[in-house]
Amino acid sequence: MNNLLVERSEHVVTLTLNRPERRNAMSRALLDSMIDTCEALRADSFARIVVIRAAGTDFSVGVDLKDPENAKISQAPLGERRRLLQLGPRLMAAVQMLPQTTICALQGQCLGGASCLALACDLRLAGSDLRFGMPEVLRGMTMSWRSVPLMVEHFGPARTKELLLTGRSIDAHEALAWGLANRLITGGVEALHRATQDWAHELSATVPPLAATMVKDTVNAIANFRTPLVHMDTEQYLVAQATEDHRESVAAFLQKRTPSFKGE
């Protein structure tokens, strides 16, 4: 089964994460497909809006810890591991560098790397069942993907710390109040996707594409001005990944038990 579906309707291109049997957990193949597709779309002058959505009940539960290709990263030599860990930042950059306006439709669980992907988009619609969070700290990891500056811009320092320190998820109403979601859509996934497509087609027909690109570039430049300051987030992730607490938290997660942390 194709893990990323690409559909076109007039000036709207829709990318659908298509691993519903794994709750759209982001495999290495899915990440590669997303990056390649976004890079190809940069040269597509006919497309004006890119919709990013997901099949099934959840947008995505984040990076697939059971994916063999992702598992290889933790076993690779340090230099190779550091190179492979640039996949997330590359995806963030690929989405943000799209000249088209991006709209993300979020339903169910949207966690970890999937939350980063959502933040990289320009506009977001939230289904009423949305649970958005960054639970990396509960796995003994830090947040990478160069996403923290975007979190600070969207939520402010205190709320960003709350999300990253506690690993808790916010619901759809909080997402709207915190400025994550532009609109809250009730009625289930089909209603969410229908509302997203309607908005995409409305924007493609009523907003001049060149002006939209310039607005996006300006806002992204302001929102990302702190990004060079977090160049070390990959190194922090590598250090955290080497701790005993990280190994214990991942083992506990896979074994469905409560972890026992030692601060080591």
C-alpha atoms as a PDB file:
ATOM      1  CA  MET A   1       0.000   0.000   0.000  1.00  0.00           C
ATOM      2  CA  ASN A   2       1.270   3.459  -0.919  1.00  0.00           C
ATOM      3  CA  ASN A   3       2.101   5.230   2.354  1.00  0.00           C
ATOM      4  CA  LEU A   4       1.547   8.684   0.827  1.00  0.00           C
ATOM      5  CA  LEU A   5      -1.324   9.431  -1.542  1.00  0.00           C
ATOM      6  CA  VAL A   6      -1.070  12.422  -3.888  1.00  0.00           C
ATOM      7  CA  GLU A   7      -4.271  13.751  -5.458  1.00  0.00           C
ATOM      8  CA  ARG A   8      -4.953  16.822  -7.594  1.00  0.00           C
ATOM      9  CA  SER A   9      -8.124  18.827  -8.035  1.00  0.00           C
ATOM     10  CA  GLU A  10      -7.707  22.002 -10.075  1.00  0.00           C
ATOM     11  CA  HIS A  11      -5.126  24.138  -8.199  1.00  0.00           C
ATOM     12  CA  VAL A  12      -5.254  22.018  -5.009  1.00  0.00           C
ATOM     13  CA  VAL A  13      -2.832  19.157  -4.305  1.00  0.00           C
ATOM     14  CA  THR A  14      -3.744  16.860  -1.416  1.00  0.00           C
ATOM     15  CA  LEU A  15      -1.155  14.725   0.365  1.00  0.00           C
ATOM     16  CA  THR A  16      -2.658  11.957   2.506  1.00  0.00           C
ATOM     17  CA  LEU A  17      -0.646  10.036   5.090  1.00  0.00           C
ATOM     18  CA  ASN A  18      -1.827   6.526   4.351  1.00  0.00           C
ATOM     19  CA  ARG A  19      -0.779   4.137   7.113  1.00  0.00           C
ATOM     20  CA  PRO A  20      -4.062   3.948   9.060  1.00  0.00           C
ATOM     21  CA  GLU A  21      -3.274   0.419  10.248  1.00  0.00           C
ATOM     22  CA  ARG A  22      -0.282   1.921  12.123  1.00  0.00           C
ATOM     23  CA  ARG A  23      -2.199   5.081  13.114  1.00  0.00           C
ATOM     24  CA  ASN A  24      -0.095   6.818  10.452  1.00  0.00           C
ATOM     25  CA  ALA A  25       3.104   6.355  12.416  1.00  0.00           C
ATOM     26  CA  MET A  26       5.865   7.988  10.387  1.00  0.00           C
ATOM     27  CA  SER A  27       8.121   5.335   8.896  1.00  0.00           C
ATOM     28  CA  ARG A  28      11.395   6.171   7.191  1.00  0.00           C
ATOM     29  CA  ALA A  29       9.715   5.502   3.843  1.00  0.00           C
ATOM     30  CA  LEU A  30       6.855   7.893   4.649  1.00  0.00           C
ATOM     31  CA  LEU A  31       9.256  10.650   5.714  1.00  0.00           C
ATOM     32  CA  ASP A  32      11.285  10.196   2.534  1.00  0.00           C
ATOM     33  CA  SER A  33       8.116  10.287   0.412  1.00  0.00           C
ATOM     34  CA  MET A  34       6.939  13.488   2.093  1.00  0.00           C
ATOM     35  CA  ILE A  35      10.263  15.230   1.525  1.00  0.00           C
ATOM     36  CA  ASP A  36      10.550  14.111  -2.103  1.00  0.00           C
ATOM     37  CA  THR A  37       6.969  15.127  -2.875  1.00  0.00           C
ATOM     38  CA  CYS A  38       7.324  18.568  -1.279  1.00  0.00           C
ATOM     39  CA  GLU A  39      10.585  19.212  -3.110  1.00  0.00           C
ATOM     40  CA  ALA A  40       8.913  18.288  -6.415  1.00  0.00           C
ATOM     41  CA  LEU A  41       5.946  20.562  -5.652  1.00  0.00           C
ATOM     42  CA  ARG A  42       8.251  23.562  -5.303  1.00  0.00           C
ATOM     43  CA  ALA A  43       8.542  23.598  -9.095  1.00  0.00           C
ATOM     44  CA  ASP A  44       4.791  23.122  -9.664  1.00  0.00           C
ATOM     45  CA  SER A  45       3.513  26.547 -10.734  1.00  0.00           C
ATOM     46  CA  PHE A  46      -0.025  25.267 -11.329  1.00  0.00           C
ATOM     47  CA  ALA A  47      -0.557  24.168  -7.722  1.00  0.00           C
ATOM     48  CA  ARG A  48      -1.642  26.966  -5.382  1.00  0.00           C
ATOM     49  CA  ILE A  49      -2.713  25.108  -2.230  1.00  0.00           C
ATOM     50  CA  VAL A  50      -1.253  21.962  -0.657  1.00  0.00           C
ATOM     51  CA  VAL A  51      -3.466  20.085   1.781  1.00  0.00           C
ATOM     52  CA  ILE A  52      -1.834  17.674   4.218  1.00  0.00           C
ATOM     53  CA  ARG A  53      -4.190  15.212   5.865  1.00  0.00           C
ATOM     54  CA  ALA A  54      -4.328  11.580   7.029  1.00  0.00           C
ATOM     55  CA  ALA A  55      -6.431   8.496   6.450  1.00  0.00           C
ATOM     56  CA  GLY A  56      -8.114   6.824   9.400  1.00  0.00           C
ATOM     57  CA  THR A  57      -8.939   8.052  12.882  1.00  0.00           C
ATOM     58  CA  ASP A  58      -5.572   9.659  13.744  1.00  0.00           C
ATOM     59  CA  PHE A  59      -3.458  12.237  11.955  1.00  0.00           C
ATOM     60  CA  SER A  60      -0.292  10.501  13.177  1.00  0.00           C
ATOM     61  CA  VAL A  61       1.142   9.182  16.427  1.00  0.00           C
ATOM     62  CA  GLY A  62       4.617  10.384  15.405  1.00  0.00           C
ATOM     63  CA  VAL A  63       7.764   8.585  14.333  1.00  0.00           C
ATOM     64  CA  ASP A  64       7.291   4.821  14.028  1.00  0.00           C
ATOM     65  CA  LEU A  65       9.505   3.300  16.741  1.00  0.00           C
ATOM     66  CA  LYS A  66       8.818  -0.188  15.357  1.00  0.00           C
ATOM     67  CA  ASP A  67       9.905   0.645  11.814  1.00  0.00           C
ATOM     68  CA  PRO A  68      13.110  -1.367  11.116  1.00  0.00           C
ATOM     69  CA  GLU A  69      14.651   1.509   9.148  1.00  0.00           C
ATOM     70  CA  ASN A  70      14.044   3.949  11.998  1.00  0.00           C
ATOM     71  CA  ALA A  71      15.367   1.407  14.500  1.00  0.00           C
ATOM     72  CA  LYS A  72      18.639   1.201  12.553  1.00  0.00           C
ATOM     73  CA  ILE A  73      19.323   4.858  13.344  1.00  0.00           C
ATOM     74  CA  SER A  74      19.907   4.172  17.036  1.00  0.00           C
ATOM     75  CA  GLN A  75      22.394   1.413  16.142  1.00  0.00           C
ATOM     76  CA  ALA A  76      24.370   3.403  13.577  1.00  0.00           C
ATOM     77  CA  PRO A  77      27.794   4.974  14.299  1.00  0.00           C
ATOM     78  CA  LEU A  78      27.548   8.465  15.780  1.00  0.00           C
ATOM     79  CA  GLY A  79      28.339  10.360  12.568  1.00  0.00           C
ATOM     80  CA  GLU A  80      25.872   8.328  10.536  1.00  0.00           C
ATOM     81  CA  ARG A  81      23.243   8.680  13.256  1.00  0.00           C
ATOM     82  CA  ARG A  82      23.660  12.454  13.271  1.00  0.00           C
ATOM     83  CA  ARG A  83      23.225  12.537   9.484  1.00  0.00           C
ATOM     84  CA  LEU A  84      20.123  10.353   9.573  1.00  0.00           C
ATOM     85  CA  LEU A  85      18.581  12.503  12.295  1.00  0.00           C
ATOM     86  CA  GLN A  86      18.471  15.413   9.834  1.00  0.00           C
ATOM     87  CA  LEU A  87      15.469  13.728   8.195  1.00  0.00           C
ATOM     88  CA  GLY A  88      13.030  15.528  10.512  1.00  0.00           C
ATOM     89  CA  PRO A  89      14.539  19.002  10.021  1.00  0.00           C
ATOM     90  CA  ARG A  90      14.619  18.334   6.263  1.00  0.00           C
ATOM     91  CA  LEU A  91      10.884  17.565   6.306  1.00  0.00           C
ATOM     92  CA  MET A  92      10.154  20.748   8.263  1.00  0.00           C
ATOM     93  CA  ALA A  93      12.193  22.796   5.787  1.00  0.00           C
ATOM     94  CA  ALA A  94      10.615  21.081   2.761  1.00  0.00           C
ATOM     95  CA  VAL A  95       7.100  21.909   3.972  1.00  0.00           C
ATOM     96  CA  GLN A  96       7.914  25.486   4.951  1.00  0.00           C
ATOM     97  CA  MET A  97       9.738  26.175   1.683  1.00  0.00           C
ATOM     98  CA  LEU A  98       6.726  25.245  -0.426  1.00  0.00           C
ATOM     99  CA  PRO A  99       5.615  28.353  -2.322  1.00  0.00           C
ATOM    100  CA  GLN A 100       2.035  27.137  -2.052  1.00  0.00           C
ATOM    101  CA  THR A 101      -0.151  27.817   0.978  1.00  0.00           C
ATOM    102  CA  THR A 102      -0.327  24.655   3.113  1.00  0.00           C
ATOM    103  CA  ILE A 103      -3.408  23.598   5.068  1.00  0.00           C
ATOM    104  CA  CYS A 104      -3.244  20.746   7.569  1.00  0.00           C
ATOM    105  CA  ALA A 105      -6.315  18.755   8.672  1.00  0.00           C
ATOM    106  CA  LEU A 106      -5.809  17.302  12.154  1.00  0.00           C
ATOM    107  CA  GLN A 107      -7.891  14.565  13.726  1.00  0.00           C
ATOM    108  CA  GLY A 108      -7.389  12.157  16.607  1.00  0.00           C
ATOM    109  CA  GLN A 109      -3.839  11.792  17.866  1.00  0.00           C
ATOM    110  CA  CYS A 110      -1.215  14.204  16.515  1.00  0.00           C
ATOM    111  CA  LEU A 111       1.974  13.520  18.438  1.00  0.00           C
ATOM    112  CA  GLY A 112       5.721  14.125  18.324  1.00  0.00           C
ATOM    113  CA  GLY A 113       7.073  14.449  14.814  1.00  0.00           C
ATOM    114  CA  ALA A 114       3.524  14.696  13.462  1.00  0.00           C
ATOM    115  CA  SER A 115       2.980  17.755  15.665  1.00  0.00           C
ATOM    116  CA  CYS A 116       6.122  19.269  14.164  1.00  0.00           C
ATOM    117  CA  LEU A 117       4.745  18.631  10.681  1.00  0.00           C
ATOM    118  CA  ALA A 118       1.489  20.345  11.636  1.00  0.00           C
ATOM    119  CA  LEU A 119       3.380  23.368  12.981  1.00  0.00           C
ATOM    120  CA  ALA A 120       5.319  23.636   9.714  1.00  0.00           C
ATOM    121  CA  CYS A 121       2.061  24.187   7.798  1.00  0.00           C
ATOM    122  CA  ASP A 122       0.546  27.623   7.244  1.00  0.00           C
ATOM    123  CA  LEU A 123      -3.039  26.932   8.328  1.00  0.00           C
ATOM    124  CA  ARG A 124      -4.623  24.195  10.451  1.00  0.00           C
ATOM    125  CA  LEU A 125      -8.122  22.822  10.929  1.00  0.00           C
ATOM    126  CA  ALA A 126      -8.778  20.709  14.023  1.00  0.00           C
ATOM    127  CA  GLY A 127     -11.320  17.947  14.345  1.00  0.00           C
ATOM    128  CA  SER A 128     -13.198  17.960  17.645  1.00  0.00           C
ATOM    129  CA  ASP A 129     -11.382  14.784  18.733  1.00  0.00           C
ATOM    130  CA  LEU A 130      -7.868  16.227  18.290  1.00  0.00           C
ATOM    131  CA  ARG A 131      -5.175  15.428  20.864  1.00  0.00           C
ATOM    132  CA  PHE A 132      -1.989  17.369  20.067  1.00  0.00           C
ATOM    133  CA  GLY A 133       1.216  16.797  22.029  1.00  0.00           C
ATOM    134  CA  MET A 134       4.966  16.288  22.203  1.00  0.00           C
ATOM    135  CA  PRO A 135       5.475  13.255  24.500  1.00  0.00           C
ATOM    136  CA  GLU A 136       9.211  12.851  23.753  1.00  0.00           C
ATOM    137  CA  VAL A 137      10.222  13.736  27.315  1.00  0.00           C
ATOM    138  CA  LEU A 138       8.237  10.720  28.540  1.00  0.00           C
ATOM    139  CA  ARG A 139      10.484   8.549  26.344  1.00  0.00           C
ATOM    140  CA  GLY A 140      13.639  10.122  27.769  1.00  0.00           C
ATOM    141  CA  MET A 141      14.164  12.242  24.647  1.00  0.00           C
ATOM    142  CA  THR A 142      14.295  15.925  23.787  1.00  0.00           C
ATOM    143  CA  MET A 143      12.343  17.615  21.014  1.00  0.00           C
ATOM    144  CA  SER A 144      14.354  18.093  17.826  1.00  0.00           C
ATOM    145  CA  TRP A 145      13.326  18.732  14.206  1.00  0.00           C
ATOM    146  CA  ARG A 146      14.079  22.465  14.796  1.00  0.00           C
ATOM    147  CA  SER A 147      10.473  22.805  15.974  1.00  0.00           C
ATOM    148  CA  VAL A 148      10.899  24.602  19.305  1.00  0.00           C
ATOM    149  CA  PRO A 149      11.104  28.117  17.750  1.00  0.00           C
ATOM    150  CA  LEU A 150       7.788  27.485  16.001  1.00  0.00           C
ATOM    151  CA  MET A 151       6.264  26.299  19.275  1.00  0.00           C
ATOM    152  CA  VAL A 152       7.443  29.456  21.058  1.00  0.00           C
ATOM    153  CA  GLU A 153       6.003  31.616  18.270  1.00  0.00           C
ATOM    154  CA  HIS A 154       2.650  29.815  18.376  1.00  0.00           C
ATOM    155  CA  PHE A 155       2.237  29.212  22.102  1.00  0.00           C
ATOM    156  CA  GLY A 156       4.680  31.478  23.956  1.00  0.00           C
ATOM    157  CA  PRO A 157       7.500  30.288  26.264  1.00  0.00           C
ATOM    158  CA  ALA A 158       5.375  29.143  29.227  1.00  0.00           C
ATOM    159  CA  ARG A 159       2.974  26.994  27.187  1.00  0.00           C
ATOM    160  CA  THR A 160       5.858  25.580  25.136  1.00  0.00           C
ATOM    161  CA  LYS A 161       7.616  24.545  28.349  1.00  0.00           C
ATOM    162  CA  GLU A 162       4.385  23.019  29.641  1.00  0.00           C
ATOM    163  CA  LEU A 163       3.999  20.880  26.533  1.00  0.00           C
ATOM    164  CA  LEU A 164       7.655  19.820  26.390  1.00  0.00           C
ATOM    165  CA  LEU A 165       8.214  19.280  30.133  1.00  0.00           C
ATOM    166  CA  THR A 166       5.023  17.353  30.850  1.00  0.00           C
ATOM    167  CA  GLY A 167       4.474  15.581  27.544  1.00  0.00           C
ATOM    168  CA  ARG A 168       0.742  16.164  27.918  1.00  0.00           C
ATOM    169  CA  SER A 169      -1.635  16.607  25.014  1.00  0.00           C
ATOM    170  CA  ILE A 170      -4.003  19.503  24.427  1.00  0.00           C
ATOM    171  CA  ASP A 171      -7.500  18.987  23.064  1.00  0.00           C
ATOM    172  CA  ALA A 172      -9.175  20.691  20.130  1.00  0.00           C
ATOM    173  CA  HIS A 173     -10.606  23.559  22.173  1.00  0.00           C
ATOM    174  CA  GLU A 174      -7.193  24.299  23.694  1.00  0.00           C
ATOM    175  CA  ALA A 175      -5.644  24.072  20.231  1.00  0.00           C
ATOM    176  CA  LEU A 176      -8.047  26.766  19.057  1.00  0.00           C
ATOM    177  CA  ALA A 177      -7.495  28.943  22.143  1.00  0.00           C
ATOM    178  CA  TRP A 178      -3.687  28.558  21.978  1.00  0.00           C
ATOM    179  CA  GLY A 179      -3.545  29.617  18.321  1.00  0.00           C
ATOM    180  CA  LEU A 180      -2.619  26.227  16.892  1.00  0.00           C
ATOM    181  CA  ALA A 181      -5.888  25.712  15.014  1.00  0.00           C
ATOM    182  CA  ASN A 182      -7.501  28.322  12.767  1.00  0.00           C
ATOM    183  CA  ARG A 183     -10.836  26.531  12.802  1.00  0.00           C
ATOM    184  CA  LEU A 184     -12.554  23.798  14.823  1.00  0.00           C
ATOM    185  CA  ILE A 185     -14.600  21.320  12.794  1.00  0.00           C
ATOM    186  CA  THR A 186     -17.189  18.974  14.298  1.00  0.00           C
ATOM    187  CA  GLY A 187     -18.821  15.963  12.668  1.00  0.00           C
ATOM    188  CA  GLY A 188     -15.915  13.531  12.298  1.00  0.00           C
ATOM    189  CA  VAL A 189     -13.099  12.944   9.836  1.00  0.00           C
ATOM    190  CA  GLU A 190     -15.204  13.224   6.691  1.00  0.00           C
ATOM    191  CA  ALA A 191     -16.542  16.608   7.782  1.00  0.00           C
ATOM    192  CA  LEU A 192     -13.000  17.745   8.633  1.00  0.00           C
ATOM    193  CA  HIS A 193     -11.639  16.707   5.249  1.00  0.00           C
ATOM    194  CA  ARG A 194     -14.597  18.252   3.430  1.00  0.00           C
ATOM    195  CA  ALA A 195     -14.135  21.562   5.270  1.00  0.00           C
ATOM    196  CA  THR A 196     -10.413  21.495   4.495  1.00  0.00           C
ATOM    197  CA  GLN A 197     -10.988  20.923   0.791  1.00  0.00           C
ATOM    198  CA  ASP A 198     -13.643  23.637   0.685  1.00  0.00           C
ATOM    199  CA  TRP A 199     -11.258  26.141   2.276  1.00  0.00           C
ATOM    200  CA  ALA A 200      -8.415  25.065  -0.025  1.00  0.00           C
ATOM    201  CA  HIS A 201     -10.520  25.598  -3.144  1.00  0.00           C
ATOM    202  CA  GLU A 202     -11.843  28.914  -1.816  1.00  0.00           C
ATOM    203  CA  LEU A 203      -8.300  30.199  -1.219  1.00  0.00           C
ATOM    204  CA  SER A 204      -7.048  28.907  -4.575  1.00  0.00           C
ATOM    205  CA  ALA A 205      -9.829  30.804  -6.359  1.00  0.00           C
ATOM    206  CA  THR A 206      -9.801  34.067  -4.393  1.00  0.00           C
ATOM    207  CA  VAL A 207      -6.202  34.751  -3.285  1.00  0.00           C
ATOM    208  CA  PRO A 208      -3.537  35.803  -5.830  1.00  0.00           C
ATOM    209  CA  PRO A 209      -0.874  33.060  -5.607  1.00  0.00           C
ATOM    210  CA  LEU A 210       2.187  35.327  -5.867  1.00  0.00           C
ATOM    211  CA  ALA A 211       0.919  37.625  -3.140  1.00  0.00           C
ATOM    212  CA  ALA A 212       0.126  34.592  -0.966  1.00  0.00           C
ATOM    213  CA  THR A 213       3.668  33.276  -1.402  1.00  0.00           C
ATOM    214  CA  MET A 214       5.170  36.607  -0.393  1.00  0.00           C
ATOM    215  CA  VAL A 215       2.952  36.811   2.709  1.00  0.00           C
ATOM    216  CA  LYS A 216       3.975  33.284   3.661  1.00  0.00           C
ATOM    217  CA  ASP A 217       7.688  34.006   3.153  1.00  0.00           C
ATOM    218  CA  THR A 218       7.520  37.124   5.318  1.00  0.00           C
ATOM    219  CA  VAL A 219       5.643  35.474   8.183  1.00  0.00           C
ATOM    220  CA  ASN A 220       7.876  32.386   8.092  1.00  0.00           C
ATOM    221  CA  ALA A 221      11.009  34.547   8.188  1.00  0.00           C
ATOM    222  CA  ILE A 222       9.737  36.230  11.344  1.00  0.00           C
ATOM    223  CA  ALA A 223       8.504  33.000  12.961  1.00  0.00           C
ATOM    224  CA  ASN A 224      11.788  31.215  12.231  1.00  0.00           C
ATOM    225  CA  PHE A 225      14.257  33.911  13.204  1.00  0.00           C
ATOM    226  CA  ARG A 226      15.219  31.899  16.302  1.00  0.00           C
ATOM    227  CA  THR A 227      15.802  28.663  14.361  1.00  0.00           C
ATOM    228  CA  PRO A 228      19.602  29.164  13.929  1.00  0.00           C
ATOM    229  CA  LEU A 229      19.833  29.307  17.739  1.00  0.00           C
ATOM    230  CA  VAL A 230      18.645  25.686  18.061  1.00  0.00           C
ATOM    231  CA  HIS A 231      21.271  24.174  15.779  1.00  0.00           C
ATOM    232  CA  MET A 232      22.266  22.014  18.750  1.00  0.00           C
ATOM    233  CA  ASP A 233      18.939  20.212  19.128  1.00  0.00           C
ATOM    234  CA  THR A 234      20.225  17.166  17.218  1.00  0.00           C
ATOM    235  CA  GLU A 235      23.203  16.959  19.579  1.00  0.00           C
ATOM    236  CA  GLN A 236      20.890  17.230  22.595  1.00  0.00           C
ATOM    237  CA  TYR A 237      18.761  14.447  21.158  1.00  0.00           C
ATOM    238  CA  LEU A 238      21.840  12.260  20.644  1.00  0.00           C
ATOM    239  CA  VAL A 239      22.944  12.816  24.242  1.00  0.00           C
ATOM    240  CA  ALA A 240      19.448  12.084  25.581  1.00  0.00           C
ATOM    241  CA  GLN A 241      19.265   8.955  23.415  1.00  0.00           C
ATOM    242  CA  ALA A 242      22.439   7.657  25.073  1.00  0.00           C
ATOM    243  CA  THR A 243      20.966   7.779  28.596  1.00  0.00           C
ATOM    244  CA  GLU A 244      19.762   4.841  30.634  1.00  0.00           C
ATOM    245  CA  ASP A 245      16.450   6.644  31.178  1.00  0.00           C
ATOM    246  CA  HIS A 246      15.829   6.728  27.416  1.00  0.00           C
ATOM    247  CA  ARG A 247      16.454   3.001  27.042  1.00  0.00           C
ATOM    248  CA  GLU A 248      14.182   2.290  30.006  1.00  0.00           C
ATOM    249  CA  SER A 249      11.392   4.540  28.734  1.00  0.00           C
ATOM    250  CA  VAL A 250      11.371   2.996  25.236  1.00  0.00           C
ATOM    251  CA  ALA A 251      11.411  -0.532  26.688  1.00  0.00           C
ATOM    252  CA  ALA A 252       8.539   0.365  29.028  1.00  0.00           C
ATOM    253  CA  PHE A 253       6.564   1.907  26.153  1.00  0.00           C
ATOM    254  CA  LEU A 254       6.946  -1.178  23.961  1.00  0.00           C
ATOM    255  CA  GLN A 255       6.182  -3.492  26.895  1.00  0.00           C
ATOM    256  CA  LYS A 256       3.203  -1.337  27.982  1.00  0.00           C
ATOM    257  CA  ARG A 257       4.443  -0.842  31.545  1.00  0.00           C
ATOM    258  CA  THR A 258       5.373   2.110  33.771  1.00  0.00           C
ATOM    259  CA  PRO A 259       9.029   3.151  33.398  1.00  0.00           C
ATOM    260  CA  SER A 260      11.412   3.509  36.333  1.00  0.00           C
ATOM    261  CA  PHE A 261      13.712   6.519  35.815  1.00  0.00           C
ATOM    262  CA  LYS A 262      17.085   6.922  37.556  1.00  0.00           C
ATOM    263  CA  GLY A 263      18.309  10.218  36.155  1.00  0.00           C
ATOM    264  CA  GLU A 264      21.191   8.433  34.427  1.00  0.00           C
END
